[in-house]
């Protein structure tokens, strides 16, 4: 699919709360469901309006056009990177505290069930059928998170600045959380007990922190060994 310049879509100001806000939220959720399952090009504004119980004029009023609605769905239905970074990026945090904060950012959305599944499906579709937003997501969402994690790892490994080993470690540490989102159905098929029970996500949190601590400790040992004559 060719780039339709959704990145340049208008960004109307959000109205105050009340009936207008409720109508806007219905449009967002209806659009998320349709965009995630059908893609941008094959989803019409009429379908979205009907699914939301709204009229076409509401889409124009709140979002400008279909591209503006797609942009809002893509970015507003997820947490802001600065909020996630506040969970784990504080310099006073211990390594364990920082890792718990990092993985909470991955795990808490999973408690929202279908909403998170649809958001993940939409992001995967955007990667495969780019409409101009994935590069923006990398630059303004994923990159700040990665750079914040690099700073955390440098601090706890004792590195003055990131090198290829710290970069690789950051990718691996983050991958533990990413996998729970992109391969939830695979885990359910291979080891369903891991996601069963009210405390399943708490068990995942403890395990991810433990595994990530082990990876960081391994890098600390590697660096110490490399310094030996």
C-alpha atoms as a PDB file:
ATOM      1  CA  UNK A   1       0.000   0.000   0.000  1.00  0.00           C
ATOM      2  CA  UNK A   2       1.238   3.489  -0.752  1.00  0.00           C
ATOM      3  CA  UNK A   3       1.725   6.048   1.984  1.00  0.00           C
ATOM      4  CA  UNK A   4      -1.418   8.185   2.297  1.00  0.00           C
ATOM      5  CA  UNK A   5       0.248  10.787   4.501  1.00  0.00           C
ATOM      6  CA  UNK A   6      -1.777  10.101   7.615  1.00  0.00           C
ATOM      7  CA  UNK A   7       1.154  11.649   9.462  1.00  0.00           C
ATOM      8  CA  UNK A   8      -0.058  14.992   8.136  1.00  0.00           C
ATOM      9  CA  UNK A   9      -3.684  14.431   9.106  1.00  0.00           C
ATOM     10  CA  UNK A  10      -5.380  17.271  11.008  1.00  0.00           C
ATOM     11  CA  UNK A  11      -5.457  17.075  14.792  1.00  0.00           C
ATOM     12  CA  UNK A  12      -8.641  18.805  16.002  1.00  0.00           C
ATOM     13  CA  UNK A  13      -8.746  19.904  19.614  1.00  0.00           C
ATOM     14  CA  UNK A  14     -10.489  17.472  21.916  1.00  0.00           C
ATOM     15  CA  UNK A  15     -13.822  18.727  23.308  1.00  0.00           C
ATOM     16  CA  UNK A  16     -14.685  18.791  26.978  1.00  0.00           C
ATOM     17  CA  UNK A  17     -16.079  15.757  28.756  1.00  0.00           C
ATOM     18  CA  UNK A  18     -19.771  14.931  28.684  1.00  0.00           C
ATOM     19  CA  UNK A  19     -21.980  13.602  25.911  1.00  0.00           C
ATOM     20  CA  UNK A  20     -19.504  14.857  23.286  1.00  0.00           C
ATOM     21  CA  UNK A  21     -16.623  13.022  24.920  1.00  0.00           C
ATOM     22  CA  UNK A  22     -18.694   9.830  25.144  1.00  0.00           C
ATOM     23  CA  UNK A  23     -19.522  10.056  21.434  1.00  0.00           C
ATOM     24  CA  UNK A  24     -15.860  10.595  20.612  1.00  0.00           C
ATOM     25  CA  UNK A  25     -14.869   7.551  22.661  1.00  0.00           C
ATOM     26  CA  UNK A  26     -17.467   5.408  20.893  1.00  0.00           C
ATOM     27  CA  UNK A  27     -16.021   6.463  17.548  1.00  0.00           C
ATOM     28  CA  UNK A  28     -12.500   5.633  18.722  1.00  0.00           C
ATOM     29  CA  UNK A  29     -13.465   2.158  19.900  1.00  0.00           C
ATOM     30  CA  UNK A  30     -15.549   1.382  16.828  1.00  0.00           C
ATOM     31  CA  UNK A  31     -12.751   2.566  14.559  1.00  0.00           C
ATOM     32  CA  UNK A  32     -10.160   0.539  16.469  1.00  0.00           C
ATOM     33  CA  UNK A  33     -12.168  -2.637  15.986  1.00  0.00           C
ATOM     34  CA  UNK A  34     -12.729  -2.035  12.266  1.00  0.00           C
ATOM     35  CA  UNK A  35      -9.247  -0.741  11.434  1.00  0.00           C
ATOM     36  CA  UNK A  36      -7.635  -3.647  13.310  1.00  0.00           C
ATOM     37  CA  UNK A  37      -9.690  -6.273  11.483  1.00  0.00           C
ATOM     38  CA  UNK A  38     -10.067  -4.688   8.046  1.00  0.00           C
ATOM     39  CA  UNK A  39      -7.268  -2.173   7.665  1.00  0.00           C
ATOM     40  CA  UNK A  40      -7.452   1.508   6.861  1.00  0.00           C
ATOM     41  CA  UNK A  41      -8.172   1.374   3.137  1.00  0.00           C
ATOM     42  CA  UNK A  42     -11.103  -1.052   3.277  1.00  0.00           C
ATOM     43  CA  UNK A  43     -12.847   0.554   6.268  1.00  0.00           C
ATOM     44  CA  UNK A  44     -15.299   3.326   5.459  1.00  0.00           C
ATOM     45  CA  UNK A  45     -16.277   6.224   7.672  1.00  0.00           C
ATOM     46  CA  UNK A  46     -19.908   5.156   7.225  1.00  0.00           C
ATOM     47  CA  UNK A  47     -19.120   1.749   8.737  1.00  0.00           C
ATOM     48  CA  UNK A  48     -17.396   3.403  11.673  1.00  0.00           C
ATOM     49  CA  UNK A  49     -20.213   5.867  12.278  1.00  0.00           C
ATOM     50  CA  UNK A  50     -22.829   3.104  12.165  1.00  0.00           C
ATOM     51  CA  UNK A  51     -20.834   0.886  14.545  1.00  0.00           C
ATOM     52  CA  UNK A  52     -20.472   3.792  16.966  1.00  0.00           C
ATOM     53  CA  UNK A  53     -24.109   4.860  16.737  1.00  0.00           C
ATOM     54  CA  UNK A  54     -23.007   8.265  15.439  1.00  0.00           C
ATOM     55  CA  UNK A  55     -23.377  10.233  12.230  1.00  0.00           C
ATOM     56  CA  UNK A  56     -20.720  10.988   9.635  1.00  0.00           C
ATOM     57  CA  UNK A  57     -20.583  14.624  10.686  1.00  0.00           C
ATOM     58  CA  UNK A  58     -19.296  13.534  14.095  1.00  0.00           C
ATOM     59  CA  UNK A  59     -16.146  12.074  12.530  1.00  0.00           C
ATOM     60  CA  UNK A  60     -15.443  15.352  10.771  1.00  0.00           C
ATOM     61  CA  UNK A  61     -16.164  17.348  13.940  1.00  0.00           C
ATOM     62  CA  UNK A  62     -13.928  15.341  16.257  1.00  0.00           C
ATOM     63  CA  UNK A  63     -11.193  14.101  13.925  1.00  0.00           C
ATOM     64  CA  UNK A  64     -11.289  16.071  10.682  1.00  0.00           C
ATOM     65  CA  UNK A  65     -11.450  13.038   8.387  1.00  0.00           C
ATOM     66  CA  UNK A  66     -10.761   9.293   8.294  1.00  0.00           C
ATOM     67  CA  UNK A  67      -7.005   9.836   8.386  1.00  0.00           C
ATOM     68  CA  UNK A  68      -7.352  12.001  11.487  1.00  0.00           C
ATOM     69  CA  UNK A  69      -9.487   9.334  13.137  1.00  0.00           C
ATOM     70  CA  UNK A  70      -6.930   6.653  12.274  1.00  0.00           C
ATOM     71  CA  UNK A  71      -4.164   8.776  13.800  1.00  0.00           C
ATOM     72  CA  UNK A  72      -6.190   9.262  16.989  1.00  0.00           C
ATOM     73  CA  UNK A  73      -6.923   5.535  17.261  1.00  0.00           C
ATOM     74  CA  UNK A  74      -3.287   4.628  16.658  1.00  0.00           C
ATOM     75  CA  UNK A  75      -1.798   6.984  19.244  1.00  0.00           C
ATOM     76  CA  UNK A  76      -4.498   7.667  21.835  1.00  0.00           C
ATOM     77  CA  UNK A  77      -5.418   4.076  22.616  1.00  0.00           C
ATOM     78  CA  UNK A  78      -2.017   3.385  24.188  1.00  0.00           C
ATOM     79  CA  UNK A  79      -0.036   4.833  27.066  1.00  0.00           C
ATOM     80  CA  UNK A  80       2.281   7.764  26.484  1.00  0.00           C
ATOM     81  CA  UNK A  81       6.014   6.936  26.448  1.00  0.00           C
ATOM     82  CA  UNK A  82       6.784   9.622  29.035  1.00  0.00           C
ATOM     83  CA  UNK A  83       4.361   7.960  31.463  1.00  0.00           C
ATOM     84  CA  UNK A  84       5.975   4.552  30.904  1.00  0.00           C
ATOM     85  CA  UNK A  85       9.468   6.000  31.310  1.00  0.00           C
ATOM     86  CA  UNK A  86       8.524   7.523  34.661  1.00  0.00           C
ATOM     87  CA  UNK A  87       7.885   3.996  35.913  1.00  0.00           C
ATOM     88  CA  UNK A  88      11.420   2.764  35.361  1.00  0.00           C
ATOM     89  CA  UNK A  89      13.741   5.628  34.467  1.00  0.00           C
ATOM     90  CA  UNK A  90      14.306   7.267  37.849  1.00  0.00           C
ATOM     91  CA  UNK A  91      17.964   7.458  38.832  1.00  0.00           C
ATOM     92  CA  UNK A  92      17.169   6.573  42.454  1.00  0.00           C
ATOM     93  CA  UNK A  93      15.547   3.269  41.525  1.00  0.00           C
ATOM     94  CA  UNK A  94      17.322  -0.001  42.178  1.00  0.00           C
ATOM     95  CA  UNK A  95      17.728  -2.347  39.237  1.00  0.00           C
ATOM     96  CA  UNK A  96      14.876  -4.528  40.499  1.00  0.00           C
ATOM     97  CA  UNK A  97      12.604  -1.511  40.964  1.00  0.00           C
ATOM     98  CA  UNK A  98      13.436  -0.233  37.485  1.00  0.00           C
ATOM     99  CA  UNK A  99      12.758  -3.624  35.891  1.00  0.00           C
ATOM    100  CA  UNK A 100       9.456  -3.993  37.741  1.00  0.00           C
ATOM    101  CA  UNK A 101       8.427  -0.567  36.491  1.00  0.00           C
ATOM    102  CA  UNK A 102       9.454  -1.458  32.946  1.00  0.00           C
ATOM    103  CA  UNK A 103       7.504  -4.716  32.873  1.00  0.00           C
ATOM    104  CA  UNK A 104       4.452  -3.222  34.569  1.00  0.00           C
ATOM    105  CA  UNK A 105       4.201  -1.029  31.494  1.00  0.00           C
ATOM    106  CA  UNK A 106       3.954  -4.176  29.379  1.00  0.00           C
ATOM    107  CA  UNK A 107       1.720  -6.194  31.684  1.00  0.00           C
ATOM    108  CA  UNK A 108      -0.904  -3.726  32.880  1.00  0.00           C
ATOM    109  CA  UNK A 109      -2.396  -3.231  29.395  1.00  0.00           C
ATOM    110  CA  UNK A 110      -2.926  -7.001  29.172  1.00  0.00           C
ATOM    111  CA  UNK A 111      -5.517  -6.641  31.941  1.00  0.00           C
ATOM    112  CA  UNK A 112      -7.653  -4.717  29.436  1.00  0.00           C
ATOM    113  CA  UNK A 113      -8.144  -7.901  27.418  1.00  0.00           C
ATOM    114  CA  UNK A 114      -9.664  -7.347  23.989  1.00  0.00           C
ATOM    115  CA  UNK A 115      -8.738  -3.661  23.855  1.00  0.00           C
ATOM    116  CA  UNK A 116      -5.036  -4.467  24.083  1.00  0.00           C
ATOM    117  CA  UNK A 117      -5.402  -7.305  21.572  1.00  0.00           C
ATOM    118  CA  UNK A 118      -6.988  -4.939  19.061  1.00  0.00           C
ATOM    119  CA  UNK A 119      -4.311  -2.281  19.612  1.00  0.00           C
ATOM    120  CA  UNK A 120      -1.592  -4.853  19.013  1.00  0.00           C
ATOM    121  CA  UNK A 121      -3.365  -6.119  15.896  1.00  0.00           C
ATOM    122  CA  UNK A 122      -3.634  -2.543  14.590  1.00  0.00           C
ATOM    123  CA  UNK A 123       0.077  -1.924  15.171  1.00  0.00           C
ATOM    124  CA  UNK A 124       1.002  -5.158  13.428  1.00  0.00           C
ATOM    125  CA  UNK A 125      -1.232  -4.212  10.502  1.00  0.00           C
ATOM    126  CA  UNK A 126       0.405  -0.780  10.321  1.00  0.00           C
ATOM    127  CA  UNK A 127       3.800  -2.466  10.099  1.00  0.00           C
ATOM    128  CA  UNK A 128       2.644  -4.662   7.218  1.00  0.00           C
ATOM    129  CA  UNK A 129       0.378  -2.113   5.508  1.00  0.00           C
ATOM    130  CA  UNK A 130       2.095   1.201   6.311  1.00  0.00           C
ATOM    131  CA  UNK A 131      -0.012   4.323   6.311  1.00  0.00           C
ATOM    132  CA  UNK A 132       2.711   6.707   7.443  1.00  0.00           C
ATOM    133  CA  UNK A 133       2.529   6.272  11.215  1.00  0.00           C
ATOM    134  CA  UNK A 134       4.902   3.413  12.038  1.00  0.00           C
ATOM    135  CA  UNK A 135       8.017   5.529  11.556  1.00  0.00           C
ATOM    136  CA  UNK A 136       6.518   8.152  13.839  1.00  0.00           C
ATOM    137  CA  UNK A 137       5.779   5.500  16.447  1.00  0.00           C
ATOM    138  CA  UNK A 138       9.397   4.308  16.328  1.00  0.00           C
ATOM    139  CA  UNK A 139      10.822   7.807  16.569  1.00  0.00           C
ATOM    140  CA  UNK A 140       8.528   9.287  19.218  1.00  0.00           C
ATOM    141  CA  UNK A 141       7.361   6.216  21.103  1.00  0.00           C
ATOM    142  CA  UNK A 142       9.800   3.321  20.895  1.00  0.00           C
ATOM    143  CA  UNK A 143      13.057   5.286  20.633  1.00  0.00           C
ATOM    144  CA  UNK A 144      12.541   7.311  23.855  1.00  0.00           C
ATOM    145  CA  UNK A 145      11.736   4.092  25.707  1.00  0.00           C
ATOM    146  CA  UNK A 146      14.829   2.379  24.316  1.00  0.00           C
ATOM    147  CA  UNK A 147      17.084   5.300  25.195  1.00  0.00           C
ATOM    148  CA  UNK A 148      15.672   5.460  28.735  1.00  0.00           C
ATOM    149  CA  UNK A 149      16.342   1.739  29.159  1.00  0.00           C
ATOM    150  CA  UNK A 150      19.895   2.222  27.885  1.00  0.00           C
ATOM    151  CA  UNK A 151      20.479   4.816  30.600  1.00  0.00           C
ATOM    152  CA  UNK A 152      19.123   2.449  33.255  1.00  0.00           C
ATOM    153  CA  UNK A 153      21.337  -0.394  32.071  1.00  0.00           C
ATOM    154  CA  UNK A 154      24.439   1.790  31.820  1.00  0.00           C
ATOM    155  CA  UNK A 155      23.867   2.945  35.373  1.00  0.00           C
ATOM    156  CA  UNK A 156      23.518  -0.553  36.784  1.00  0.00           C
ATOM    157  CA  UNK A 157      26.201  -2.193  34.643  1.00  0.00           C
ATOM    158  CA  UNK A 158      28.705   0.573  35.308  1.00  0.00           C
ATOM    159  CA  UNK A 159      29.093   1.747  31.722  1.00  0.00           C
ATOM    160  CA  UNK A 160      29.798   5.376  30.946  1.00  0.00           C
ATOM    161  CA  UNK A 161      27.867   5.222  27.670  1.00  0.00           C
ATOM    162  CA  UNK A 162      25.958   2.609  25.653  1.00  0.00           C
ATOM    163  CA  UNK A 163      28.032   0.272  23.501  1.00  0.00           C
ATOM    164  CA  UNK A 164      26.901  -2.613  21.305  1.00  0.00           C
ATOM    165  CA  UNK A 165      26.641  -4.921  24.328  1.00  0.00           C
ATOM    166  CA  UNK A 166      24.368  -2.519  26.216  1.00  0.00           C
ATOM    167  CA  UNK A 167      22.290  -1.962  23.071  1.00  0.00           C
ATOM    168  CA  UNK A 168      21.890  -5.718  22.621  1.00  0.00           C
ATOM    169  CA  UNK A 169      21.061  -6.169  26.292  1.00  0.00           C
ATOM    170  CA  UNK A 170      18.376  -3.473  26.077  1.00  0.00           C
ATOM    171  CA  UNK A 171      16.772  -5.201  23.084  1.00  0.00           C
ATOM    172  CA  UNK A 172      16.763  -8.544  24.907  1.00  0.00           C
ATOM    173  CA  UNK A 173      15.372  -7.105  28.151  1.00  0.00           C
ATOM    174  CA  UNK A 174      12.553  -5.343  26.316  1.00  0.00           C
ATOM    175  CA  UNK A 175      11.869  -8.411  24.173  1.00  0.00           C
ATOM    176  CA  UNK A 176      10.674 -10.344  27.225  1.00  0.00           C
ATOM    177  CA  UNK A 177       7.798  -7.907  27.605  1.00  0.00           C
ATOM    178  CA  UNK A 178       7.123  -7.495  23.897  1.00  0.00           C
ATOM    179  CA  UNK A 179       6.760 -11.254  23.440  1.00  0.00           C
ATOM    180  CA  UNK A 180       3.869 -11.397  25.890  1.00  0.00           C
ATOM    181  CA  UNK A 181       1.942  -9.060  23.603  1.00  0.00           C
ATOM    182  CA  UNK A 182       2.788 -10.322  20.140  1.00  0.00           C
ATOM    183  CA  UNK A 183       2.724 -14.052  20.967  1.00  0.00           C
ATOM    184  CA  UNK A 184      -0.015 -14.336  23.578  1.00  0.00           C
ATOM    185  CA  UNK A 185      -1.936 -16.783  21.373  1.00  0.00           C
ATOM    186  CA  UNK A 186       1.178 -18.916  20.947  1.00  0.00           C
ATOM    187  CA  UNK A 187       1.690 -19.091  24.721  1.00  0.00           C
ATOM    188  CA  UNK A 188      -1.969 -19.987  25.198  1.00  0.00           C
ATOM    189  CA  UNK A 189      -1.526 -22.858  22.736  1.00  0.00           C
ATOM    190  CA  UNK A 190       1.816 -24.173  24.004  1.00  0.00           C
ATOM    191  CA  UNK A 191       1.565 -23.531  27.753  1.00  0.00           C
ATOM    192  CA  UNK A 192      -1.948 -22.309  28.638  1.00  0.00           C
ATOM    193  CA  UNK A 193      -1.378 -22.636  32.378  1.00  0.00           C
ATOM    194  CA  UNK A 194       1.029 -19.700  32.237  1.00  0.00           C
ATOM    195  CA  UNK A 195      -1.832 -17.310  31.526  1.00  0.00           C
ATOM    196  CA  UNK A 196      -4.446 -18.891  33.765  1.00  0.00           C
ATOM    197  CA  UNK A 197      -5.590 -17.576  37.115  1.00  0.00           C
ATOM    198  CA  UNK A 198      -6.174 -14.146  38.610  1.00  0.00           C
ATOM    199  CA  UNK A 199      -2.510 -13.889  39.573  1.00  0.00           C
ATOM    200  CA  UNK A 200      -1.110 -14.920  36.161  1.00  0.00           C
ATOM    201  CA  UNK A 201       0.239 -11.456  35.326  1.00  0.00           C
ATOM    202  CA  UNK A 202       1.779 -11.107  38.804  1.00  0.00           C
ATOM    203  CA  UNK A 203       3.593 -14.401  38.270  1.00  0.00           C
ATOM    204  CA  UNK A 204       4.798 -13.153  34.896  1.00  0.00           C
ATOM    205  CA  UNK A 205       6.041  -9.932  36.478  1.00  0.00           C
ATOM    206  CA  UNK A 206       8.146 -11.751  39.064  1.00  0.00           C
ATOM    207  CA  UNK A 207       9.558 -14.090  36.413  1.00  0.00           C
ATOM    208  CA  UNK A 208      10.429 -11.346  33.922  1.00  0.00           C
ATOM    209  CA  UNK A 209      12.236  -9.329  36.576  1.00  0.00           C
ATOM    210  CA  UNK A 210      14.202 -12.410  37.644  1.00  0.00           C
ATOM    211  CA  UNK A 211      15.208 -13.281  34.071  1.00  0.00           C
ATOM    212  CA  UNK A 212      16.180  -9.698  33.248  1.00  0.00           C
ATOM    213  CA  UNK A 213      18.256  -9.427  36.426  1.00  0.00           C
ATOM    214  CA  UNK A 214      20.104 -12.556  35.323  1.00  0.00           C
ATOM    215  CA  UNK A 215      20.822 -11.013  31.907  1.00  0.00           C
ATOM    216  CA  UNK A 216      22.164  -7.829  33.488  1.00  0.00           C
ATOM    217  CA  UNK A 217      24.296  -9.836  35.926  1.00  0.00           C
ATOM    218  CA  UNK A 218      25.710 -11.816  33.001  1.00  0.00           C
ATOM    219  CA  UNK A 219      26.729  -8.610  31.245  1.00  0.00           C
ATOM    220  CA  UNK A 220      28.358  -7.320  34.436  1.00  0.00           C
ATOM    221  CA  UNK A 221      30.411 -10.530  34.627  1.00  0.00           C
ATOM    222  CA  UNK A 222      31.324 -10.328  30.957  1.00  0.00           C
ATOM    223  CA  UNK A 223      32.589  -6.783  31.328  1.00  0.00           C
ATOM    224  CA  UNK A 224      34.583  -7.671  34.454  1.00  0.00           C
ATOM    225  CA  UNK A 225      36.177 -10.616  32.648  1.00  0.00           C
ATOM    226  CA  UNK A 226      37.053  -8.438  29.654  1.00  0.00           C
ATOM    227  CA  UNK A 227      38.935  -6.031  31.923  1.00  0.00           C
ATOM    228  CA  UNK A 228      41.141  -8.760  33.374  1.00  0.00           C
ATOM    229  CA  UNK A 229      44.676  -8.989  31.884  1.00  0.00           C
END
